PDB file of all heavy atoms in Angstrom:
ATOM      1  N   LEU A   1    -162.333   2.583  -1.279  1.00  0.00           N
ATOM      2  CA  LEU A   1    -163.184   2.792  -0.105  1.00  0.00           C
ATOM      3  C   LEU A   1    -164.609   2.329  -0.380  1.00  0.00           C
ATOM      4  O   LEU A   1    -165.245   1.681   0.469  1.00  0.00           O
ATOM      5  CB  LEU A   1    -163.166   4.267   0.304  1.00  0.00           C
ATOM      6  CG  LEU A   1    -163.983   4.629   1.547  1.00  0.00           C
ATOM      7  CD1 LEU A   1    -163.332   5.762   2.307  1.00  0.00           C
ATOM      8  CD2 LEU A   1    -165.421   5.032   1.196  1.00  0.00           C
ATOM      9  N   ARG A   2    -165.129   2.637  -1.548  1.00  0.00           N
ATOM     10  CA  ARG A   2    -166.505   2.237  -1.868  1.00  0.00           C
ATOM     11  C   ARG A   2    -166.628   0.727  -1.995  1.00  0.00           C
ATOM     12  O   ARG A   2    -167.674   0.154  -1.654  1.00  0.00           O
ATOM     13  CB  ARG A   2    -166.970   2.969  -3.124  1.00  0.00           C
ATOM     14  CG  ARG A   2    -167.169   4.462  -2.855  1.00  0.00           C
ATOM     15  CD  ARG A   2    -167.562   5.257  -4.080  1.00  0.00           C
ATOM     16  NE  ARG A   2    -167.776   6.655  -3.730  1.00  0.00           N
ATOM     17  CZ  ARG A   2    -167.976   7.636  -4.610  1.00  0.00           C
ATOM     18  NH1 ARG A   2    -168.008   7.359  -5.915  1.00  0.00           N
ATOM     19  NH2 ARG A   2    -168.145   8.883  -4.200  1.00  0.00           N
ATOM     20  N   LEU A   3    -165.559   0.069  -2.443  1.00  0.00           N
ATOM     21  CA  LEU A   3    -165.551  -1.387  -2.440  1.00  0.00           C
ATOM     22  C   LEU A   3    -165.613  -1.920  -1.009  1.00  0.00           C
ATOM     23  O   LEU A   3    -166.328  -2.886  -0.722  1.00  0.00           O
ATOM     24  CB  LEU A   3    -164.285  -1.911  -3.124  1.00  0.00           C
ATOM     25  CG  LEU A   3    -164.336  -2.187  -4.619  1.00  0.00           C
ATOM     26  CD1 LEU A   3    -162.951  -2.602  -5.111  1.00  0.00           C
ATOM     27  CD2 LEU A   3    -165.353  -3.263  -4.941  1.00  0.00           C
ATOM     28  N   ALA A   4    -164.838  -1.277  -0.121  1.00  0.00           N
ATOM     29  CA  ALA A   4    -164.858  -1.679   1.288  1.00  0.00           C
ATOM     30  C   ALA A   4    -166.252  -1.517   1.873  1.00  0.00           C
ATOM     31  O   ALA A   4    -166.733  -2.374   2.634  1.00  0.00           O
ATOM     32  CB  ALA A   4    -163.839  -0.851   2.077  1.00  0.00           C
ATOM     33  N   LYS A   5    -166.901  -0.426   1.525  1.00  0.00           N
ATOM     34  CA  LYS A   5    -168.256  -0.171   2.026  1.00  0.00           C
ATOM     35  C   LYS A   5    -169.234  -1.235   1.533  1.00  0.00           C
ATOM     36  O   LYS A   5    -170.076  -1.718   2.302  1.00  0.00           O
ATOM     37  CB  LYS A   5    -168.712   1.220   1.592  1.00  0.00           C
ATOM     38  CG  LYS A   5    -170.105   1.596   2.053  1.00  0.00           C
ATOM     39  CD  LYS A   5    -170.396   3.069   1.811  1.00  0.00           C
ATOM     40  CE  LYS A   5    -170.335   3.439   0.340  1.00  0.00           C
ATOM     41  NZ  LYS A   5    -170.691   4.865   0.115  1.00  0.00           N
ATOM     42  N   GLU A   6    -169.123  -1.630   0.263  1.00  0.00           N
ATOM     43  CA  GLU A   6    -169.996  -2.668  -0.284  1.00  0.00           C
ATOM     44  C   GLU A   6    -169.844  -3.980   0.480  1.00  0.00           C
ATOM     45  O   GLU A   6    -170.810  -4.736   0.631  1.00  0.00           O
ATOM     46  CB  GLU A   6    -169.670  -2.906  -1.762  1.00  0.00           C
ATOM     47  CG  GLU A   6    -170.115  -1.795  -2.697  1.00  0.00           C
ATOM     48  CD  GLU A   6    -169.699  -2.081  -4.134  1.00  0.00           C
ATOM     49  OE1 GLU A   6    -169.431  -3.275  -4.455  1.00  0.00           O
ATOM     50  OE2 GLU A   6    -169.637  -1.128  -4.941  1.00  0.00           O
ATOM     51  N   MET A   7    -168.644  -4.250   0.969  1.00  0.00           N
ATOM     52  CA  MET A   7    -168.385  -5.492   1.702  1.00  0.00           C
ATOM     53  C   MET A   7    -168.787  -5.409   3.170  1.00  0.00           C
ATOM     54  O   MET A   7    -168.688  -6.392   3.898  1.00  0.00           O
ATOM     55  CB  MET A   7    -166.888  -5.844   1.629  1.00  0.00           C
ATOM     56  CG  MET A   7    -166.379  -6.195   0.261  1.00  0.00           C
ATOM     57  SD  MET A   7    -164.649  -6.717   0.318  1.00  0.00           S
ATOM     58  CE  MET A   7    -163.830  -5.207   0.847  1.00  0.00           C
ATOM     59  N   GLY A   8    -169.164  -4.210   3.631  1.00  0.00           N
ATOM     60  CA  GLY A   8    -169.510  -4.048   5.030  1.00  0.00           C
ATOM     61  C   GLY A   8    -168.315  -3.949   5.954  1.00  0.00           C
ATOM     62  O   GLY A   8    -168.371  -4.376   7.115  1.00  0.00           O
ATOM     63  N   ALA A   9    -167.193  -3.382   5.473  1.00  0.00           N
ATOM     64  CA  ALA A   9    -165.987  -3.259   6.287  1.00  0.00           C
ATOM     65  C   ALA A   9    -166.241  -2.410   7.532  1.00  0.00           C
ATOM     66  O   ALA A   9    -166.967  -1.418   7.487  1.00  0.00           O
ATOM     67  CB  ALA A   9    -164.858  -2.645   5.467  1.00  0.00           C
ATOM     68  N   LYS A  10    -165.638  -2.810   8.644  1.00  0.00           N
ATOM     69  CA  LYS A  10    -165.778  -2.050   9.883  1.00  0.00           C
ATOM     70  C   LYS A  10    -165.035  -0.719   9.796  1.00  0.00           C
ATOM     71  O   LYS A  10    -165.491   0.284  10.356  1.00  0.00           O
ATOM     72  CB  LYS A  10    -165.244  -2.864  11.066  1.00  0.00           C
ATOM     73  CG  LYS A  10    -166.062  -4.090  11.394  1.00  0.00           C
ATOM     74  CD  LYS A  10    -165.480  -4.829  12.587  1.00  0.00           C
ATOM     75  CE  LYS A  10    -166.299  -6.068  12.921  1.00  0.00           C
ATOM     76  NZ  LYS A  10    -165.719  -6.822  14.061  1.00  0.00           N
ATOM     77  N   ASN A  11    -163.890  -0.724   9.119  1.00  0.00           N
ATOM     78  CA  ASN A  11    -163.124   0.517   8.998  1.00  0.00           C
ATOM     79  C   ASN A  11    -162.246   0.478   7.756  1.00  0.00           C
ATOM     80  O   ASN A  11    -161.756  -0.579   7.351  1.00  0.00           O
ATOM     81  CB  ASN A  11    -162.234   0.751  10.223  1.00  0.00           C
ATOM     82  CG  ASN A  11    -161.692   2.170  10.278  1.00  0.00           C
ATOM     83  OD1 ASN A  11    -162.454   3.125  10.438  1.00  0.00           O
ATOM     84  ND2 ASN A  11    -160.382   2.333  10.143  1.00  0.00           N
ATOM     85  N   TYR A  12    -162.099   1.663   7.151  1.00  0.00           N
ATOM     86  CA  TYR A  12    -161.192   1.858   6.021  1.00  0.00           C
ATOM     87  C   TYR A  12    -160.129   2.845   6.479  1.00  0.00           C
ATOM     88  O   TYR A  12    -160.434   3.986   6.847  1.00  0.00           O
ATOM     89  CB  TYR A  12    -161.949   2.408   4.822  1.00  0.00           C
ATOM     90  CG  TYR A  12    -161.089   2.687   3.593  1.00  0.00           C
ATOM     91  CD1 TYR A  12    -160.964   1.734   2.588  1.00  0.00           C
ATOM     92  CD2 TYR A  12    -160.430   3.897   3.436  1.00  0.00           C
ATOM     93  CE1 TYR A  12    -160.197   1.990   1.450  1.00  0.00           C
ATOM     94  CE2 TYR A  12    -159.652   4.158   2.320  1.00  0.00           C
ATOM     95  CZ  TYR A  12    -159.541   3.195   1.331  1.00  0.00           C
ATOM     96  OH  TYR A  12    -158.767   3.455   0.217  1.00  0.00           O
ATOM     97  N   PHE A  13    -158.874   2.397   6.477  1.00  0.00           N
ATOM     98  CA  PHE A  13    -157.759   3.257   6.867  1.00  0.00           C
ATOM     99  C   PHE A  13    -156.987   3.678   5.627  1.00  0.00           C
ATOM    100  O   PHE A  13    -156.732   2.858   4.732  1.00  0.00           O
ATOM    101  CB  PHE A  13    -156.808   2.528   7.819  1.00  0.00           C
ATOM    102  CG  PHE A  13    -155.520   3.286   8.046  1.00  0.00           C
ATOM    103  CD1 PHE A  13    -155.440   4.260   9.026  1.00  0.00           C
ATOM    104  CD2 PHE A  13    -154.402   3.044   7.251  1.00  0.00           C
ATOM    105  CE1 PHE A  13    -154.257   4.977   9.221  1.00  0.00           C
ATOM    106  CE2 PHE A  13    -153.223   3.752   7.438  1.00  0.00           C
ATOM    107  CZ  PHE A  13    -153.152   4.729   8.428  1.00  0.00           C
ATOM    108  N   CYS A  14    -156.584   4.941   5.590  1.00  0.00           N
ATOM    109  CA  CYS A  14    -155.749   5.426   4.491  1.00  0.00           C
ATOM    110  C   CYS A  14    -154.628   6.296   5.051  1.00  0.00           C
ATOM    111  O   CYS A  14    -154.860   7.131   5.931  1.00  0.00           O
ATOM    112  CB  CYS A  14    -156.582   6.228   3.496  1.00  0.00           C
ATOM    113  SG  CYS A  14    -155.722   6.512   1.932  1.00  0.00           S
ATOM    114  N   VAL A  15    -153.424   6.078   4.557  1.00  0.00           N
ATOM    115  CA  VAL A  15    -152.291   6.848   5.033  1.00  0.00           C
ATOM    116  C   VAL A  15    -152.312   8.233   4.386  1.00  0.00           C
ATOM    117  O   VAL A  15    -152.534   8.374   3.185  1.00  0.00           O
ATOM    118  CB  VAL A  15    -150.973   6.112   4.752  1.00  0.00           C
ATOM    119  CG1 VAL A  15    -150.682   6.031   3.264  1.00  0.00           C
ATOM    120  CG2 VAL A  15    -149.815   6.767   5.474  1.00  0.00           C
ATOM    121  N   SER A  16    -152.096   9.249   5.198  1.00  0.00           N
ATOM    122  CA  SER A  16    -151.953  10.610   4.703  1.00  0.00           C
ATOM    123  C   SER A  16    -150.495  11.021   4.914  1.00  0.00           C
ATOM    124  O   SER A  16    -149.595  10.183   4.842  1.00  0.00           O
ATOM    125  CB  SER A  16    -152.929  11.555   5.410  1.00  0.00           C
ATOM    126  OG  SER A  16    -152.874  12.852   4.840  1.00  0.00           O
ATOM    127  N   THR A  17    -150.241  12.284   5.177  1.00  0.00           N
ATOM    128  CA  THR A  17    -148.873  12.763   5.346  1.00  0.00           C
ATOM    129  C   THR A  17    -148.880  14.061   6.141  1.00  0.00           C
ATOM    130  O   THR A  17    -149.864  14.813   6.112  1.00  0.00           O
ATOM    131  CB  THR A  17    -148.200  13.003   3.977  1.00  0.00           C
ATOM    132  OG1 THR A  17    -146.924  13.634   4.164  1.00  0.00           O
ATOM    133  CG2 THR A  17    -149.048  13.912   3.095  1.00  0.00           C
ATOM    134  N   ASP A  18    -147.781  14.317   6.832  1.00  0.00           N
ATOM    135  CA  ASP A  18    -147.641  15.610   7.499  1.00  0.00           C
ATOM    136  C   ASP A  18    -147.684  16.754   6.493  1.00  0.00           C
ATOM    137  O   ASP A  18    -148.055  17.885   6.827  1.00  0.00           O
ATOM    138  CB  ASP A  18    -146.332  15.659   8.297  1.00  0.00           C
ATOM    139  CG  ASP A  18    -145.108  15.406   7.417  1.00  0.00           C
ATOM    140  OD1 ASP A  18    -145.068  14.356   6.759  1.00  0.00           O
ATOM    141  OD2 ASP A  18    -144.210  16.259   7.394  1.00  0.00           O
ATOM    142  N   LYS A  19    -147.343  16.462   5.241  1.00  0.00           N
ATOM    143  CA  LYS A  19    -147.329  17.501   4.209  1.00  0.00           C
ATOM    144  C   LYS A  19    -148.736  17.937   3.801  1.00  0.00           C
ATOM    145  O   LYS A  19    -148.890  18.886   3.016  1.00  0.00           O
ATOM    146  CB  LYS A  19    -146.537  17.013   3.000  1.00  0.00           C
ATOM    147  CG  LYS A  19    -145.057  16.788   3.303  1.00  0.00           C
ATOM    148  CD  LYS A  19    -144.320  16.162   2.147  1.00  0.00           C
ATOM    149  CE  LYS A  19    -142.837  15.994   2.463  1.00  0.00           C
ATOM    150  NZ  LYS A  19    -142.588  15.075   3.606  1.00  0.00           N
ATOM    151  N   ALA A  20    -149.777  17.248   4.324  1.00  0.00           N
ATOM    152  CA  ALA A  20    -151.157  17.662   4.064  1.00  0.00           C
ATOM    153  C   ALA A  20    -151.578  18.826   4.960  1.00  0.00           C
ATOM    154  O   ALA A  20    -152.592  19.473   4.694  1.00  0.00           O
ATOM    155  CB  ALA A  20    -152.111  16.488   4.274  1.00  0.00           C
ATOM    156  N   ALA A  21    -150.813  19.094   6.016  1.00  0.00           N
ATOM    157  CA  ALA A  21    -151.098  20.226   6.898  1.00  0.00           C
ATOM    158  C   ALA A  21    -150.472  21.481   6.284  1.00  0.00           C
ATOM    159  O   ALA A  21    -149.255  21.573   6.157  1.00  0.00           O
ATOM    160  CB  ALA A  21    -150.528  19.971   8.295  1.00  0.00           C
ATOM    161  N   ASN A  22    -151.321  22.432   5.887  1.00  0.00           N
ATOM    162  CA  ASN A  22    -150.841  23.635   5.193  1.00  0.00           C
ATOM    163  C   ASN A  22    -149.899  23.266   4.045  1.00  0.00           C
ATOM    164  O   ASN A  22    -148.712  23.628   4.042  1.00  0.00           O
ATOM    165  CB  ASN A  22    -150.130  24.581   6.174  1.00  0.00           C
ATOM    166  CG  ASN A  22    -151.078  25.148   7.208  1.00  0.00           C
ATOM    167  OD1 ASN A  22    -152.203  25.544   6.894  1.00  0.00           O
ATOM    168  ND2 ASN A  22    -150.639  25.187   8.460  1.00  0.00           N
ATOM    169  N   PRO A  23    -150.387  22.532   3.038  1.00  0.00           N
ATOM    170  CA  PRO A  23    -149.502  21.987   1.997  1.00  0.00           C
ATOM    171  C   PRO A  23    -148.793  23.068   1.184  1.00  0.00           C
ATOM    172  O   PRO A  23    -149.351  24.126   0.904  1.00  0.00           O
ATOM    173  CB  PRO A  23    -150.462  21.179   1.115  1.00  0.00           C
ATOM    174  CG  PRO A  23    -151.815  21.775   1.357  1.00  0.00           C
ATOM    175  CD  PRO A  23    -151.802  22.206   2.791  1.00  0.00           C
ATOM    176  N   ALA A  24    -147.542  22.749   0.824  1.00  0.00           N
ATOM    177  CA  ALA A  24    -146.740  23.658  -0.001  1.00  0.00           C
ATOM    178  C   ALA A  24    -146.357  23.015  -1.324  1.00  0.00           C
ATOM    179  O   ALA A  24    -145.696  23.645  -2.142  1.00  0.00           O
ATOM    180  CB  ALA A  24    -145.483  24.081   0.755  1.00  0.00           C
ATOM    181  N   ASN A  25    -146.758  21.755  -1.528  1.00  0.00           N
ATOM    182  CA  ASN A  25    -146.444  21.057  -2.771  1.00  0.00           C
ATOM    183  C   ASN A  25    -147.652  20.255  -3.229  1.00  0.00           C
ATOM    184  O   ASN A  25    -148.604  20.037  -2.481  1.00  0.00           O
ATOM    185  CB  ASN A  25    -145.203  20.166  -2.599  1.00  0.00           C
ATOM    186  CG  ASN A  25    -145.349  19.209  -1.425  1.00  0.00           C
ATOM    187  OD1 ASN A  25    -146.206  18.329  -1.423  1.00  0.00           O
ATOM    188  ND2 ASN A  25    -144.505  19.389  -0.410  1.00  0.00           N
ATOM    189  N   MET A  26    -147.604  19.798  -4.465  1.00  0.00           N
ATOM    190  CA  MET A  26    -148.753  19.118  -5.059  1.00  0.00           C
ATOM    191  C   MET A  26    -149.013  17.765  -4.417  1.00  0.00           C
ATOM    192  O   MET A  26    -150.153  17.313  -4.334  1.00  0.00           O
ATOM    193  CB  MET A  26    -148.537  18.953  -6.564  1.00  0.00           C
ATOM    194  CG  MET A  26    -148.326  20.263  -7.313  1.00  0.00           C
ATOM    195  SD  MET A  26    -149.776  21.331  -7.286  1.00  0.00           S
ATOM    196  CE  MET A  26    -150.771  20.598  -8.584  1.00  0.00           C
ATOM    197  N   MET A  27    -147.961  17.092  -3.966  1.00  0.00           N
ATOM    198  CA  MET A  27    -148.167  15.809  -3.299  1.00  0.00           C
ATOM    199  C   MET A  27    -148.924  15.999  -1.992  1.00  0.00           C
ATOM    200  O   MET A  27    -149.921  15.322  -1.724  1.00  0.00           O
ATOM    201  CB  MET A  27    -146.819  15.121  -3.038  1.00  0.00           C
ATOM    202  CG  MET A  27    -146.947  13.677  -2.537  1.00  0.00           C
ATOM    203  SD  MET A  27    -147.371  13.510  -0.779  1.00  0.00           S
ATOM    204  CE  MET A  27    -145.822  14.039  -0.019  1.00  0.00           C
ATOM    205  N   GLY A  28    -148.456  16.931  -1.141  1.00  0.00           N
ATOM    206  CA  GLY A  28    -149.148  17.195   0.108  1.00  0.00           C
ATOM    207  C   GLY A  28    -150.575  17.659  -0.112  1.00  0.00           C
ATOM    208  O   GLY A  28    -151.501  17.254   0.601  1.00  0.00           O
TER     209      GLY A  28
END
């Protein structure tokens, strides 16, 4: 992300997961 910022990127997208909502495991 910081590399993207240095280049002046309009947007940085990153995939998350449904498991990040109230996570029950280390991956989420």
